[in-house]
């Protein structure tokens, strides 16, 4: 049941819209990291699984930004779990998506910069 709630919150946080991720969700994810090691592992796995095969630059940007903010505010266990998957995060520094007719490669640049910031 808790896994289902996490997936629903991640879907809301990483929605493929131009709206920013709600701050209360980032706070909830950060608080979740203080509940225990299992929750940290589960959160990292869920976030990375969601981003792994994602093609949308908007979702990737939001996901990487959420990861960075949780790493800043959350428990150190979350950061340790991220380090175990560092190669996947580094892959996003060279990600290239489709060029937007209106904005060009701006979204691709934002994804790359977010990956570097993590």
C-alpha atoms as a PDB file:
ATOM      1  CA  UNK A   1       0.000   0.000   0.000  1.00  0.00           C
ATOM      2  CA  UNK A   2       2.816   2.392   0.860  1.00  0.00           C
ATOM      3  CA  UNK A   3       4.478   1.601  -2.476  1.00  0.00           C
ATOM      4  CA  UNK A   4       1.283   2.588  -4.276  1.00  0.00           C
ATOM      5  CA  UNK A   5       1.141   5.921  -2.423  1.00  0.00           C
ATOM      6  CA  UNK A   6       4.768   6.598  -3.321  1.00  0.00           C
ATOM      7  CA  UNK A   7       4.110   5.891  -7.002  1.00  0.00           C
ATOM      8  CA  UNK A   8       1.095   8.207  -6.979  1.00  0.00           C
ATOM      9  CA  UNK A   9       3.117  11.000  -5.351  1.00  0.00           C
ATOM     10  CA  UNK A  10       5.948  10.500  -7.827  1.00  0.00           C
ATOM     11  CA  UNK A  11       3.485  10.655 -10.706  1.00  0.00           C
ATOM     12  CA  UNK A  12       2.177  13.939  -9.383  1.00  0.00           C
ATOM     13  CA  UNK A  13       5.660  15.334  -8.753  1.00  0.00           C
ATOM     14  CA  UNK A  14       7.005  14.300 -12.150  1.00  0.00           C
ATOM     15  CA  UNK A  15       3.967  15.099 -14.273  1.00  0.00           C
ATOM     16  CA  UNK A  16       4.759  15.906 -17.887  1.00  0.00           C
ATOM     17  CA  UNK A  17       3.459  19.472 -17.639  1.00  0.00           C
ATOM     18  CA  UNK A  18       5.099  22.860 -17.506  1.00  0.00           C
ATOM     19  CA  UNK A  19       3.996  23.315 -13.899  1.00  0.00           C
ATOM     20  CA  UNK A  20       6.734  23.106 -11.250  1.00  0.00           C
ATOM     21  CA  UNK A  21       6.801  20.258  -8.761  1.00  0.00           C
ATOM     22  CA  UNK A  22       4.748  21.200  -5.688  1.00  0.00           C
ATOM     23  CA  UNK A  23       6.985  22.083  -2.751  1.00  0.00           C
ATOM     24  CA  UNK A  24       4.942  20.045  -0.298  1.00  0.00           C
ATOM     25  CA  UNK A  25       5.811  16.870  -2.228  1.00  0.00           C
ATOM     26  CA  UNK A  26       9.522  17.609  -1.977  1.00  0.00           C
ATOM     27  CA  UNK A  27       9.061  18.132   1.767  1.00  0.00           C
ATOM     28  CA  UNK A  28       7.193  14.803   2.033  1.00  0.00           C
ATOM     29  CA  UNK A  29       9.922  12.983   0.112  1.00  0.00           C
ATOM     30  CA  UNK A  30      12.593  14.594   2.288  1.00  0.00           C
ATOM     31  CA  UNK A  31      10.745  13.605   5.471  1.00  0.00           C
ATOM     32  CA  UNK A  32      10.380  10.071   4.120  1.00  0.00           C
ATOM     33  CA  UNK A  33      14.171   9.705   4.055  1.00  0.00           C
ATOM     34  CA  UNK A  34      14.259  10.120   7.842  1.00  0.00           C
ATOM     35  CA  UNK A  35      11.890   7.165   8.351  1.00  0.00           C
ATOM     36  CA  UNK A  36      14.594   4.591   7.747  1.00  0.00           C
ATOM     37  CA  UNK A  37      17.085   3.029   5.375  1.00  0.00           C
ATOM     38  CA  UNK A  38      14.472   0.918   3.603  1.00  0.00           C
ATOM     39  CA  UNK A  39      12.458   4.033   2.747  1.00  0.00           C
ATOM     40  CA  UNK A  40      15.560   5.746   1.356  1.00  0.00           C
ATOM     41  CA  UNK A  41      16.421   2.752  -0.804  1.00  0.00           C
ATOM     42  CA  UNK A  42      12.833   2.500  -1.998  1.00  0.00           C
ATOM     43  CA  UNK A  43      12.646   6.212  -2.829  1.00  0.00           C
ATOM     44  CA  UNK A  44      15.942   6.207  -4.739  1.00  0.00           C
ATOM     45  CA  UNK A  45      14.961   3.064  -6.639  1.00  0.00           C
ATOM     46  CA  UNK A  46      11.537   4.469  -7.498  1.00  0.00           C
ATOM     47  CA  UNK A  47      12.922   7.803  -8.684  1.00  0.00           C
ATOM     48  CA  UNK A  48      15.661   6.256 -10.804  1.00  0.00           C
ATOM     49  CA  UNK A  49      13.321   3.630 -12.235  1.00  0.00           C
ATOM     50  CA  UNK A  50      10.952   6.414 -13.289  1.00  0.00           C
ATOM     51  CA  UNK A  51      13.762   8.339 -14.986  1.00  0.00           C
ATOM     52  CA  UNK A  52      15.601   5.388 -16.521  1.00  0.00           C
ATOM     53  CA  UNK A  53      13.554   4.995 -19.704  1.00  0.00           C
ATOM     54  CA  UNK A  54      11.994   8.441 -19.768  1.00  0.00           C
ATOM     55  CA  UNK A  55      12.034  10.312 -23.071  1.00  0.00           C
ATOM     56  CA  UNK A  56      10.400  13.530 -21.918  1.00  0.00           C
ATOM     57  CA  UNK A  57      12.874  16.263 -21.092  1.00  0.00           C
ATOM     58  CA  UNK A  58      10.329  17.895 -18.796  1.00  0.00           C
ATOM     59  CA  UNK A  59      10.027  14.777 -16.644  1.00  0.00           C
ATOM     60  CA  UNK A  60      13.794  14.259 -16.586  1.00  0.00           C
ATOM     61  CA  UNK A  61      14.376  17.854 -15.547  1.00  0.00           C
ATOM     62  CA  UNK A  62      11.771  17.658 -12.800  1.00  0.00           C
ATOM     63  CA  UNK A  63      13.093  14.293 -11.600  1.00  0.00           C
ATOM     64  CA  UNK A  64      16.692  15.434 -11.409  1.00  0.00           C
ATOM     65  CA  UNK A  65      15.641  18.612  -9.640  1.00  0.00           C
ATOM     66  CA  UNK A  66      13.594  16.616  -7.110  1.00  0.00           C
ATOM     67  CA  UNK A  67      16.565  14.304  -6.508  1.00  0.00           C
ATOM     68  CA  UNK A  68      18.851  17.296  -5.904  1.00  0.00           C
ATOM     69  CA  UNK A  69      16.436  18.933  -3.474  1.00  0.00           C
ATOM     70  CA  UNK A  70      15.855  15.703  -1.539  1.00  0.00           C
ATOM     71  CA  UNK A  71      19.613  15.157  -1.361  1.00  0.00           C
ATOM     72  CA  UNK A  72      20.003  18.641   0.122  1.00  0.00           C
ATOM     73  CA  UNK A  73      17.160  18.366   2.641  1.00  0.00           C
ATOM     74  CA  UNK A  74      16.926  14.633   3.260  1.00  0.00           C
ATOM     75  CA  UNK A  75      18.874  12.138   5.325  1.00  0.00           C
ATOM     76  CA  UNK A  76      22.450  11.253   4.400  1.00  0.00           C
ATOM     77  CA  UNK A  77      21.354   7.680   3.649  1.00  0.00           C
ATOM     78  CA  UNK A  78      19.535   9.026   0.598  1.00  0.00           C
ATOM     79  CA  UNK A  79      22.779  10.553  -0.678  1.00  0.00           C
ATOM     80  CA  UNK A  80      24.672   7.307  -0.056  1.00  0.00           C
ATOM     81  CA  UNK A  81      22.086   5.368  -2.029  1.00  0.00           C
ATOM     82  CA  UNK A  82      22.379   7.889  -4.865  1.00  0.00           C
ATOM     83  CA  UNK A  83      26.139   7.391  -4.961  1.00  0.00           C
ATOM     84  CA  UNK A  84      25.554   3.709  -5.685  1.00  0.00           C
ATOM     85  CA  UNK A  85      23.771   4.784  -8.879  1.00  0.00           C
ATOM     86  CA  UNK A  86      26.082   7.617  -9.838  1.00  0.00           C
ATOM     87  CA  UNK A  87      26.819   6.226 -13.305  1.00  0.00           C
ATOM     88  CA  UNK A  88      23.155   6.445 -14.249  1.00  0.00           C
ATOM     89  CA  UNK A  89      22.975  10.046 -13.083  1.00  0.00           C
ATOM     90  CA  UNK A  90      26.128  10.882 -15.020  1.00  0.00           C
ATOM     91  CA  UNK A  91      24.512   9.539 -18.188  1.00  0.00           C
ATOM     92  CA  UNK A  92      22.018  12.396 -18.007  1.00  0.00           C
ATOM     93  CA  UNK A  93      24.829  14.958 -18.351  1.00  0.00           C
ATOM     94  CA  UNK A  94      25.049  13.966 -22.025  1.00  0.00           C
ATOM     95  CA  UNK A  95      21.334  13.430 -22.641  1.00  0.00           C
ATOM     96  CA  UNK A  96      19.898  14.913 -25.792  1.00  0.00           C
ATOM     97  CA  UNK A  97      16.236  15.089 -26.582  1.00  0.00           C
ATOM     98  CA  UNK A  98      14.245  16.331 -29.489  1.00  0.00           C
ATOM     99  CA  UNK A  99      14.629  19.984 -30.281  1.00  0.00           C
ATOM    100  CA  UNK A 100      11.548  22.043 -29.499  1.00  0.00           C
ATOM    101  CA  UNK A 101      10.381  24.242 -32.401  1.00  0.00           C
ATOM    102  CA  UNK A 102       9.736  27.154 -30.082  1.00  0.00           C
ATOM    103  CA  UNK A 103      12.455  26.819 -27.418  1.00  0.00           C
ATOM    104  CA  UNK A 104      15.175  24.942 -29.291  1.00  0.00           C
ATOM    105  CA  UNK A 105      17.584  22.986 -27.100  1.00  0.00           C
ATOM    106  CA  UNK A 106      16.835  24.884 -23.880  1.00  0.00           C
ATOM    107  CA  UNK A 107      15.186  21.879 -22.225  1.00  0.00           C
ATOM    108  CA  UNK A 108      18.106  19.626 -23.134  1.00  0.00           C
ATOM    109  CA  UNK A 109      20.476  22.136 -21.538  1.00  0.00           C
ATOM    110  CA  UNK A 110      18.328  22.302 -18.381  1.00  0.00           C
ATOM    111  CA  UNK A 111      18.386  18.498 -18.060  1.00  0.00           C
ATOM    112  CA  UNK A 112      22.170  18.413 -18.466  1.00  0.00           C
ATOM    113  CA  UNK A 113      22.700  21.216 -15.943  1.00  0.00           C
ATOM    114  CA  UNK A 114      20.378  19.520 -13.442  1.00  0.00           C
ATOM    115  CA  UNK A 115      22.294  16.264 -13.829  1.00  0.00           C
ATOM    116  CA  UNK A 116      25.556  18.074 -13.129  1.00  0.00           C
ATOM    117  CA  UNK A 117      24.040  19.723 -10.053  1.00  0.00           C
ATOM    118  CA  UNK A 118      23.079  16.373  -8.548  1.00  0.00           C
END
